[in-house]
Each structure stands twice: as C-alpha cells, then as structure tokens.
Amino acid sequence: MFGLGHLDIGPLIYGVVIFLGIMSMFSRLIKLQLMSFVIEVSVFVLVFKLHGGTMQGGFAATIAALLAGRILPKMVR
C-alpha cells in the first residue's frame, strides 16, 4: 500500500482506522445513541460484505460507517 523502502505502514494505518471505528461504535453504545450505533453497524456490515471481506473492504467499510454515523443521524432529526 504505502511503502518507504522496506517499511510498509499500510497495516498500521489500517489498524488505526479499525480502532477508531470500534471506539466510535463502543462510545455510541455506551452513550445510548442507538440510532447512530445501528447506522454504523449496518453500514459497516453492508460495505464489508459487498467488498468480499478483504482488508481493503474492512478499511472502506470502517470509513463509510464512521461517515454515516456522523452524517445520517443529523439528517434524520
């Protein structure tokens, strides 16, 4: 993905993005923001399955879920 000679930081970036996604879902569940939580989980599962469960699919699914969890609840209210 991203290369600096022999150093590949792609998995590091992937791990940070996945951690942010999990942290976001967990905080929404703890704060009882159930609509945002359900939106994030639904978008993540949908995009992850559409991309075939690959690493790139997980990356895309996490970013899509984070964006959907921020934007869609504001549009519904």
C-alpha atoms as a PDB file:
ATOM      1  CA  MET A   1       0.000   0.000   0.000  1.00  0.00           C
ATOM      2  CA  PHE A   2       2.273   2.806   1.239  1.00  0.00           C
ATOM      3  CA  GLY A   3       5.929   1.980   1.082  1.00  0.00           C
ATOM      4  CA  LEU A   4       9.073   3.576   2.451  1.00  0.00           C
ATOM      5  CA  GLY A   5      11.717   1.220   1.184  1.00  0.00           C
ATOM      6  CA  HIS A   6      11.298  -1.919   3.253  1.00  0.00           C
ATOM      7  CA  LEU A   7       8.831  -0.362   5.665  1.00  0.00           C
ATOM      8  CA  ASP A   8       5.149  -0.845   4.906  1.00  0.00           C
ATOM      9  CA  ILE A   9       2.880   1.386   7.004  1.00  0.00           C
ATOM     10  CA  GLY A  10      -0.356   0.175   5.392  1.00  0.00           C
ATOM     11  CA  PRO A  11      -1.212  -2.270   8.189  1.00  0.00           C
ATOM     12  CA  LEU A  12      -0.521   0.438  10.778  1.00  0.00           C
ATOM     13  CA  ILE A  13      -2.933   2.853   9.103  1.00  0.00           C
ATOM     14  CA  TYR A  14      -5.462   0.020   8.728  1.00  0.00           C
ATOM     15  CA  GLY A  15      -5.188  -0.775  12.431  1.00  0.00           C
ATOM     16  CA  VAL A  16      -5.669   2.864  13.449  1.00  0.00           C
ATOM     17  CA  VAL A  17      -8.767   3.236  11.257  1.00  0.00           C
ATOM     18  CA  ILE A  18     -10.284  -0.021  12.537  1.00  0.00           C
ATOM     19  CA  PHE A  19      -9.572   1.071  16.129  1.00  0.00           C
ATOM     20  CA  LEU A  20     -11.291   4.418  15.516  1.00  0.00           C
ATOM     21  CA  GLY A  21     -14.314   2.589  14.111  1.00  0.00           C
ATOM     22  CA  ILE A  22     -14.553   0.246  17.091  1.00  0.00           C
ATOM     23  CA  MET A  23     -14.054   3.121  19.521  1.00  0.00           C
ATOM     24  CA  SER A  24     -16.774   5.144  17.802  1.00  0.00           C
ATOM     25  CA  MET A  25     -19.271   2.272  17.914  1.00  0.00           C
ATOM     26  CA  PHE A  26     -18.451   1.495  21.535  1.00  0.00           C
ATOM     27  CA  SER A  27     -18.848   5.124  22.639  1.00  0.00           C
ATOM     28  CA  ARG A  28     -22.194   5.424  20.845  1.00  0.00           C
ATOM     29  CA  LEU A  29     -23.411   2.262  22.543  1.00  0.00           C
ATOM     30  CA  ILE A  30     -22.261   3.458  25.990  1.00  0.00           C
ATOM     31  CA  LYS A  31     -23.920   6.896  25.475  1.00  0.00           C
ATOM     32  CA  LEU A  32     -27.104   5.144  24.271  1.00  0.00           C
ATOM     33  CA  GLN A  33     -27.040   6.854  20.881  1.00  0.00           C
ATOM     34  CA  LEU A  34     -28.748   3.811  19.473  1.00  0.00           C
ATOM     35  CA  MET A  35     -29.722   5.228  16.074  1.00  0.00           C
ATOM     36  CA  SER A  36     -26.110   6.225  15.334  1.00  0.00           C
ATOM     37  CA  PHE A  37     -24.872   2.860  16.588  1.00  0.00           C
ATOM     38  CA  VAL A  38     -27.304   0.895  14.414  1.00  0.00           C
ATOM     39  CA  ILE A  39     -26.434   3.037  11.370  1.00  0.00           C
ATOM     40  CA  GLU A  40     -22.694   2.492  11.870  1.00  0.00           C
ATOM     41  CA  VAL A  41     -23.021  -1.255  12.347  1.00  0.00           C
ATOM     42  CA  SER A  42     -25.410  -1.630   9.395  1.00  0.00           C
ATOM     43  CA  VAL A  43     -23.224   0.363   7.012  1.00  0.00           C
ATOM     44  CA  PHE A  44     -20.105  -1.484   8.157  1.00  0.00           C
ATOM     45  CA  VAL A  45     -21.659  -4.926   7.633  1.00  0.00           C
ATOM     46  CA  LEU A  46     -23.149  -3.969   4.252  1.00  0.00           C
ATOM     47  CA  VAL A  47     -19.951  -2.468   2.819  1.00  0.00           C
ATOM     48  CA  PHE A  48     -17.746  -5.207   4.290  1.00  0.00           C
ATOM     49  CA  LYS A  49     -19.890  -7.924   2.699  1.00  0.00           C
ATOM     50  CA  LEU A  50     -20.031  -6.078  -0.634  1.00  0.00           C
ATOM     51  CA  HIS A  51     -16.221  -5.933  -0.715  1.00  0.00           C
ATOM     52  CA  GLY A  52     -15.902  -9.645  -0.039  1.00  0.00           C
ATOM     53  CA  GLY A  53     -14.395  -9.446   3.457  1.00  0.00           C
ATOM     54  CA  THR A  54     -10.961  -8.285   2.323  1.00  0.00           C
ATOM     55  CA  MET A  55      -8.586  -5.930   4.139  1.00  0.00           C
ATOM     56  CA  GLN A  56      -9.461  -3.155   1.713  1.00  0.00           C
ATOM     57  CA  GLY A  57     -13.132  -3.928   2.284  1.00  0.00           C
ATOM     58  CA  GLY A  58     -12.714  -3.567   6.029  1.00  0.00           C
ATOM     59  CA  PHE A  59     -10.894  -0.268   5.542  1.00  0.00           C
ATOM     60  CA  ALA A  60     -13.611   1.063   3.226  1.00  0.00           C
ATOM     61  CA  ALA A  61     -16.373  -0.253   5.481  1.00  0.00           C
ATOM     62  CA  THR A  62     -14.928   1.422   8.566  1.00  0.00           C
ATOM     63  CA  ILE A  63     -14.568   4.792   6.849  1.00  0.00           C
ATOM     64  CA  ALA A  64     -18.075   4.541   5.381  1.00  0.00           C
ATOM     65  CA  ALA A  65     -19.515   3.588   8.787  1.00  0.00           C
ATOM     66  CA  LEU A  66     -17.746   6.483  10.527  1.00  0.00           C
ATOM     67  CA  LEU A  67     -19.060   8.966   7.969  1.00  0.00           C
ATOM     68  CA  ALA A  68     -22.563   7.507   8.037  1.00  0.00           C
ATOM     69  CA  GLY A  69     -22.638   7.554  11.837  1.00  0.00           C
ATOM     70  CA  ARG A  70     -21.771  11.245  11.825  1.00  0.00           C
ATOM     71  CA  ILE A  71     -23.937  12.487   8.955  1.00  0.00           C
ATOM     72  CA  LEU A  72     -27.094  10.337   8.694  1.00  0.00           C
ATOM     73  CA  PRO A  73     -28.436  10.855  12.269  1.00  0.00           C
ATOM     74  CA  LYS A  74     -28.297  14.636  11.747  1.00  0.00           C
ATOM     75  CA  MET A  75     -30.268  14.322   8.521  1.00  0.00           C
ATOM     76  CA  VAL A  76     -32.985  12.204  10.175  1.00  0.00           C
ATOM     77  CA  ARG A  77     -33.584  14.564  13.095  1.00  0.00           C
END
